[in-house]
Structures are given as C-alpha cells and as structure tokens.
Amino acid sequence: MKRVRITVLKKEFYPEYADEYLTEGREVGSCPMLDVGDTFVYAGSAVMPEGFCPWAWMDIYRSVSALSSGSTMKPWNKEDGQTIVCCTDGIRPVVFRVEAFGENEEDIE
C-alpha cells in the first residue's frame, strides 16, 4: 500500500446560496475546518487523518483508497498517481490534491 498525501488547494464560498438556503446565511462563511495549504497523510486501514473534516473524508475516501492501492488516473490526469477531488458541500466546497507516494513508514515526508 502506498501512502497518500492530501493537500487543500482551494476553498470556495457561495454567499448567494448561503443567504438563500442556510439559517445563518452568508455569516456561516467558508469551511472553518480546513485552510489552503493544509496537508494530511493517509497511512492506510481506512483511518481518517487526524484533524481532517469527517464530511470531506466521506466524499474523497474512494479516491484516496484507490490511489493507495496503486490505481491510475491516467489518461484523465497529467501525472499518474494523483488526482484533484472536492467535498460535496454545495455552498462552501474545498478542493484537494490527492497524491500517492512511498511504500512504507520511512517514506513519509
């Protein structure tokens, strides 16, 4: 099994949808759990990395697990062993780069 690095690339926020659909409206703001540049490492066993958002984890786990198992995302991605995914929050989604690396504990950076 490969390790998988999960990096927050971008946070979006759609205030017009927040005002229309959320009780707190635009005051809710963008995702409070993650920041651009945050990095997490998945080490296997379906264990969510510490500090990661549980809702986003449910959304991206399939891609993380697939890359950990050696799946390829070619020809859709320029680099093999990586993909771009996001959580499914329609008002404040977060975009992640998910990339496989290494084969054992010593390879974690």
N, C-alpha and C. Protein backbone atom coordinates (compact mmCIF):
# COMPACT_ATOMS: atom_id res chain seq x y z
N MET A 1 0.83 -1.19 0.00
CA MET A 1 0.00 0.00 0.00
C MET A 1 0.88 1.25 0.00
N LYS A 2 0.45 2.21 -0.78
CA LYS A 2 1.15 3.49 -0.83
C LYS A 2 0.54 4.44 0.21
N ARG A 3 1.31 5.40 0.64
CA ARG A 3 0.79 6.49 1.46
C ARG A 3 0.13 7.47 0.49
N VAL A 4 -0.76 8.29 1.01
CA VAL A 4 -1.44 9.27 0.17
C VAL A 4 -1.41 10.63 0.87
N ARG A 5 -0.90 11.62 0.18
CA ARG A 5 -0.86 12.99 0.69
C ARG A 5 -2.10 13.72 0.17
N ILE A 6 -2.77 14.39 1.08
CA ILE A 6 -3.97 15.16 0.75
C ILE A 6 -3.65 16.62 1.06
N THR A 7 -3.72 17.46 0.04
CA THR A 7 -3.39 18.88 0.20
C THR A 7 -4.59 19.74 -0.16
N VAL A 8 -4.93 20.70 0.68
CA VAL A 8 -6.02 21.62 0.39
C VAL A 8 -5.51 22.64 -0.63
N LEU A 9 -6.13 22.64 -1.82
CA LEU A 9 -5.75 23.57 -2.87
C LEU A 9 -6.55 24.87 -2.86
N LYS A 10 -7.85 24.75 -2.56
CA LYS A 10 -8.71 25.92 -2.68
C LYS A 10 -9.96 25.74 -1.83
N LYS A 11 -10.45 26.85 -1.30
CA LYS A 11 -11.72 26.87 -0.59
C LYS A 11 -12.66 27.81 -1.35
N GLU A 12 -13.85 27.37 -1.60
CA GLU A 12 -14.85 28.19 -2.27
C GLU A 12 -15.95 28.57 -1.28
N PHE A 13 -16.69 29.62 -1.59
CA PHE A 13 -17.84 30.01 -0.79
C PHE A 13 -18.81 30.75 -1.68
N TYR A 14 -20.07 30.34 -1.65
CA TYR A 14 -21.10 30.94 -2.48
C TYR A 14 -22.12 31.64 -1.57
N PRO A 15 -21.88 32.91 -1.25
CA PRO A 15 -22.74 33.62 -0.29
C PRO A 15 -24.20 33.73 -0.74
N GLU A 16 -24.43 33.81 -2.05
CA GLU A 16 -25.82 33.91 -2.51
C GLU A 16 -26.61 32.65 -2.18
N TYR A 17 -25.97 31.48 -2.25
CA TYR A 17 -26.64 30.23 -1.86
C TYR A 17 -26.77 30.14 -0.35
N ALA A 18 -25.77 30.62 0.37
CA ALA A 18 -25.84 30.62 1.83
C ALA A 18 -27.03 31.46 2.29
N ASP A 19 -27.19 32.65 1.71
CA ASP A 19 -28.30 33.51 2.09
C ASP A 19 -29.65 32.85 1.78
N GLU A 20 -29.71 32.17 0.67
CA GLU A 20 -30.98 31.57 0.26
C GLU A 20 -31.32 30.30 1.02
N TYR A 21 -30.32 29.49 1.39
CA TYR A 21 -30.60 28.16 1.91
C TYR A 21 -30.19 27.88 3.36
N LEU A 22 -29.28 28.65 3.92
CA LEU A 22 -28.81 28.36 5.27
C LEU A 22 -29.45 29.29 6.29
N THR A 23 -29.72 28.77 7.47
CA THR A 23 -30.33 29.58 8.51
C THR A 23 -29.43 30.75 8.92
N GLU A 24 -28.12 30.58 8.89
CA GLU A 24 -27.20 31.65 9.26
C GLU A 24 -26.79 32.51 8.06
N GLY A 25 -27.22 32.13 6.86
CA GLY A 25 -26.89 32.89 5.67
C GLY A 25 -25.39 33.01 5.46
N ARG A 26 -24.98 34.09 4.84
CA ARG A 26 -23.56 34.27 4.49
C ARG A 26 -22.66 34.39 5.72
N GLU A 27 -23.23 34.57 6.89
CA GLU A 27 -22.44 34.64 8.12
C GLU A 27 -21.70 33.33 8.39
N VAL A 28 -22.19 32.24 7.80
CA VAL A 28 -21.54 30.94 8.03
C VAL A 28 -20.12 30.93 7.46
N GLY A 29 -19.88 31.67 6.38
CA GLY A 29 -18.54 31.77 5.78
C GLY A 29 -18.05 30.49 5.15
N SER A 30 -16.80 30.50 4.74
CA SER A 30 -16.21 29.32 4.09
C SER A 30 -15.91 28.24 5.13
N CYS A 31 -15.48 27.10 4.68
CA CYS A 31 -15.20 25.96 5.55
C CYS A 31 -14.29 26.39 6.72
N PRO A 32 -14.73 26.15 7.95
CA PRO A 32 -13.94 26.55 9.10
C PRO A 32 -12.91 25.49 9.53
N MET A 33 -12.98 24.30 8.95
CA MET A 33 -12.13 23.20 9.42
C MET A 33 -10.79 23.10 8.71
N LEU A 34 -10.72 23.58 7.46
CA LEU A 34 -9.52 23.39 6.66
C LEU A 34 -9.06 24.72 6.07
N ASP A 35 -7.75 24.84 5.85
CA ASP A 35 -7.17 26.03 5.25
C ASP A 35 -6.34 25.66 4.03
N VAL A 36 -6.28 26.55 3.06
CA VAL A 36 -5.46 26.33 1.88
C VAL A 36 -4.02 26.04 2.33
N GLY A 37 -3.45 24.99 1.78
CA GLY A 37 -2.09 24.59 2.13
C GLY A 37 -2.02 23.50 3.19
N ASP A 38 -3.11 23.27 3.91
CA ASP A 38 -3.11 22.18 4.89
C ASP A 38 -2.78 20.87 4.18
N THR A 39 -1.97 20.04 4.83
CA THR A 39 -1.57 18.76 4.26
C THR A 39 -1.80 17.66 5.29
N PHE A 40 -2.33 16.54 4.80
CA PHE A 40 -2.61 15.38 5.63
C PHE A 40 -2.04 14.15 4.94
N VAL A 41 -1.68 13.13 5.72
CA VAL A 41 -1.17 11.90 5.14
C VAL A 41 -2.06 10.74 5.57
N TYR A 42 -2.54 10.01 4.58
CA TYR A 42 -3.30 8.80 4.80
C TYR A 42 -2.32 7.64 4.83
N ALA A 43 -2.35 6.87 5.91
CA ALA A 43 -1.40 5.78 6.07
C ALA A 43 -2.05 4.40 5.92
N GLY A 44 -3.33 4.34 5.60
CA GLY A 44 -3.99 3.06 5.37
C GLY A 44 -5.01 2.71 6.43
N SER A 45 -5.56 1.52 6.29
CA SER A 45 -6.54 0.95 7.24
C SER A 45 -7.82 1.77 7.35
N ALA A 46 -8.17 2.53 6.34
CA ALA A 46 -9.39 3.33 6.30
C ALA A 46 -9.47 4.36 7.42
N VAL A 47 -8.33 4.70 8.03
CA VAL A 47 -8.29 5.65 9.14
C VAL A 47 -8.14 7.07 8.59
N MET A 48 -9.10 7.91 8.93
CA MET A 48 -9.06 9.31 8.51
C MET A 48 -7.88 10.01 9.19
N PRO A 49 -7.11 10.81 8.45
CA PRO A 49 -6.01 11.55 9.07
C PRO A 49 -6.53 12.47 10.18
N GLU A 50 -5.76 12.58 11.24
CA GLU A 50 -6.12 13.43 12.37
C GLU A 50 -6.29 14.88 11.91
N GLY A 51 -7.38 15.51 12.35
CA GLY A 51 -7.64 16.90 12.03
C GLY A 51 -8.38 17.11 10.72
N PHE A 52 -8.65 16.03 9.98
CA PHE A 52 -9.34 16.16 8.70
C PHE A 52 -10.85 16.24 8.95
N CYS A 53 -11.57 16.87 8.05
CA CYS A 53 -13.02 17.01 8.16
C CYS A 53 -13.71 15.68 7.86
N PRO A 54 -14.52 15.17 8.79
CA PRO A 54 -15.20 13.89 8.56
C PRO A 54 -16.12 13.89 7.35
N TRP A 55 -16.78 15.01 7.09
CA TRP A 55 -17.69 15.08 5.94
C TRP A 55 -16.90 15.02 4.63
N ALA A 56 -15.81 15.77 4.57
CA ALA A 56 -14.96 15.74 3.37
C ALA A 56 -14.34 14.35 3.20
N TRP A 57 -13.97 13.71 4.31
CA TRP A 57 -13.38 12.37 4.26
C TRP A 57 -14.33 11.39 3.57
N MET A 58 -15.61 11.46 3.91
CA MET A 58 -16.58 10.56 3.27
C MET A 58 -16.64 10.81 1.77
N ASP A 59 -16.46 12.05 1.37
CA ASP A 59 -16.53 12.40 -0.05
C ASP A 59 -15.30 11.97 -0.84
N ILE A 60 -14.12 12.06 -0.24
CA ILE A 60 -12.90 11.81 -1.02
C ILE A 60 -12.27 10.45 -0.76
N TYR A 61 -12.78 9.69 0.22
CA TYR A 61 -12.15 8.43 0.60
C TYR A 61 -11.97 7.46 -0.56
N ARG A 62 -12.94 7.38 -1.46
CA ARG A 62 -12.81 6.47 -2.62
C ARG A 62 -11.55 6.75 -3.42
N SER A 63 -11.29 8.01 -3.70
CA SER A 63 -10.10 8.38 -4.46
C SER A 63 -8.82 8.10 -3.68
N VAL A 64 -8.84 8.41 -2.39
CA VAL A 64 -7.69 8.16 -1.53
C VAL A 64 -7.37 6.67 -1.50
N SER A 65 -8.39 5.86 -1.27
CA SER A 65 -8.22 4.41 -1.20
C SER A 65 -7.72 3.83 -2.52
N ALA A 66 -8.27 4.32 -3.62
CA ALA A 66 -7.86 3.83 -4.94
C ALA A 66 -6.38 4.12 -5.20
N LEU A 67 -5.95 5.34 -4.91
CA LEU A 67 -4.54 5.69 -5.12
C LEU A 67 -3.63 4.92 -4.18
N SER A 68 -4.08 4.70 -2.97
CA SER A 68 -3.29 3.92 -2.01
C SER A 68 -3.08 2.49 -2.50
N SER A 69 -4.05 1.99 -3.23
CA SER A 69 -3.99 0.62 -3.76
C SER A 69 -3.24 0.54 -5.09
N GLY A 70 -2.77 1.67 -5.61
CA GLY A 70 -1.99 1.66 -6.84
C GLY A 70 -2.77 1.98 -8.11
N SER A 71 -4.01 2.43 -7.96
CA SER A 71 -4.80 2.77 -9.15
C SER A 71 -4.18 3.93 -9.91
N THR A 72 -4.50 4.00 -11.17
CA THR A 72 -4.02 5.09 -12.01
C THR A 72 -5.19 5.99 -12.38
N MET A 73 -4.93 7.24 -12.57
CA MET A 73 -5.96 8.19 -13.00
C MET A 73 -5.67 8.67 -14.41
N LYS A 74 -4.75 8.01 -15.09
CA LYS A 74 -4.47 8.33 -16.49
C LYS A 74 -5.55 7.68 -17.34
N PRO A 75 -5.94 8.24 -18.42
CA PRO A 75 -5.39 9.38 -19.14
C PRO A 75 -6.01 10.72 -18.73
N TRP A 76 -6.81 10.75 -17.66
CA TRP A 76 -7.50 11.99 -17.30
C TRP A 76 -6.61 13.00 -16.63
N ASN A 77 -5.56 12.56 -15.96
CA ASN A 77 -4.64 13.46 -15.26
C ASN A 77 -3.27 13.45 -15.91
N LYS A 78 -2.59 14.59 -15.89
CA LYS A 78 -1.25 14.70 -16.47
C LYS A 78 -0.25 13.83 -15.73
N GLU A 79 -0.35 13.78 -14.39
CA GLU A 79 0.56 12.98 -13.58
C GLU A 79 -0.14 11.72 -13.11
N ASP A 80 0.54 10.60 -13.21
CA ASP A 80 -0.01 9.36 -12.69
C ASP A 80 0.10 9.39 -11.16
N GLY A 81 -0.80 8.73 -10.49
CA GLY A 81 -0.73 8.65 -9.04
C GLY A 81 -1.25 9.88 -8.31
N GLN A 82 -1.99 10.73 -9.00
CA GLN A 82 -2.58 11.90 -8.35
C GLN A 82 -3.89 12.26 -9.02
N THR A 83 -4.74 12.93 -8.28
CA THR A 83 -6.00 13.42 -8.83
C THR A 83 -6.45 14.63 -8.02
N ILE A 84 -7.41 15.36 -8.56
CA ILE A 84 -7.99 16.51 -7.88
C ILE A 84 -9.44 16.14 -7.56
N VAL A 85 -9.83 16.31 -6.30
CA VAL A 85 -11.18 15.98 -5.85
C VAL A 85 -11.69 17.09 -4.94
N CYS A 86 -12.98 17.05 -4.61
CA CYS A 86 -13.50 18.04 -3.68
C CYS A 86 -14.59 17.44 -2.82
N CYS A 87 -14.88 18.12 -1.72
CA CYS A 87 -16.00 17.69 -0.89
C CYS A 87 -17.28 18.15 -1.59
N THR A 88 -18.40 17.59 -1.17
CA THR A 88 -19.65 17.87 -1.87
C THR A 88 -20.50 18.95 -1.20
N ASP A 89 -19.91 19.76 -0.36
CA ASP A 89 -20.64 20.88 0.22
C ASP A 89 -20.92 21.87 -0.90
N GLY A 90 -22.16 22.04 -1.26
CA GLY A 90 -22.53 22.88 -2.39
C GLY A 90 -22.44 24.37 -2.13
N ILE A 91 -22.25 24.76 -0.88
CA ILE A 91 -22.18 26.18 -0.54
C ILE A 91 -20.75 26.60 -0.21
N ARG A 92 -19.97 25.68 0.38
CA ARG A 92 -18.58 26.01 0.74
C ARG A 92 -17.65 24.81 0.50
N PRO A 93 -17.53 24.41 -0.77
CA PRO A 93 -16.69 23.25 -1.09
C PRO A 93 -15.19 23.54 -0.92
N VAL A 94 -14.45 22.46 -0.70
CA VAL A 94 -13.00 22.51 -0.57
C VAL A 94 -12.42 21.58 -1.62
N VAL A 95 -11.39 22.05 -2.34
CA VAL A 95 -10.74 21.29 -3.41
C VAL A 95 -9.42 20.74 -2.88
N PHE A 96 -9.16 19.45 -3.17
CA PHE A 96 -7.96 18.77 -2.67
C PHE A 96 -7.14 18.18 -3.81
N ARG A 97 -5.82 18.18 -3.63
CA ARG A 97 -4.93 17.37 -4.47
C ARG A 97 -4.65 16.12 -3.66
N VAL A 98 -4.84 14.96 -4.28
CA VAL A 98 -4.62 13.67 -3.63
C VAL A 98 -3.53 12.96 -4.42
N GLU A 99 -2.41 12.63 -3.75
CA GLU A 99 -1.29 12.03 -4.47
C GLU A 99 -0.67 10.87 -3.69
N ALA A 100 -0.45 9.77 -4.37
CA ALA A 100 0.18 8.60 -3.77
C ALA A 100 1.70 8.80 -3.74
N PHE A 101 2.33 8.24 -2.69
CA PHE A 101 3.78 8.29 -2.61
C PHE A 101 4.25 7.17 -1.70
N GLY A 102 5.49 6.74 -1.89
CA GLY A 102 6.14 5.79 -0.99
C GLY A 102 5.42 4.46 -0.82
N GLU A 103 6.07 3.58 -0.11
CA GLU A 103 5.52 2.24 0.15
C GLU A 103 5.55 1.88 1.63
N ASN A 104 6.27 2.66 2.46
CA ASN A 104 6.38 2.29 3.85
C ASN A 104 6.57 3.52 4.74
N GLU A 105 6.64 3.31 6.05
CA GLU A 105 6.75 4.39 7.02
C GLU A 105 7.90 5.35 6.76
N GLU A 106 9.04 4.83 6.33
CA GLU A 106 10.21 5.69 6.13
C GLU A 106 10.02 6.72 5.03
N ASP A 107 9.05 6.49 4.14
CA ASP A 107 8.85 7.39 3.00
C ASP A 107 7.98 8.60 3.34
N ILE A 108 7.39 8.67 4.52
CA ILE A 108 6.51 9.78 4.86
C ILE A 108 7.36 11.03 5.07
N GLU A 109 6.98 12.09 4.37
CA GLU A 109 7.71 13.37 4.48
C GLU A 109 6.99 14.30 5.42
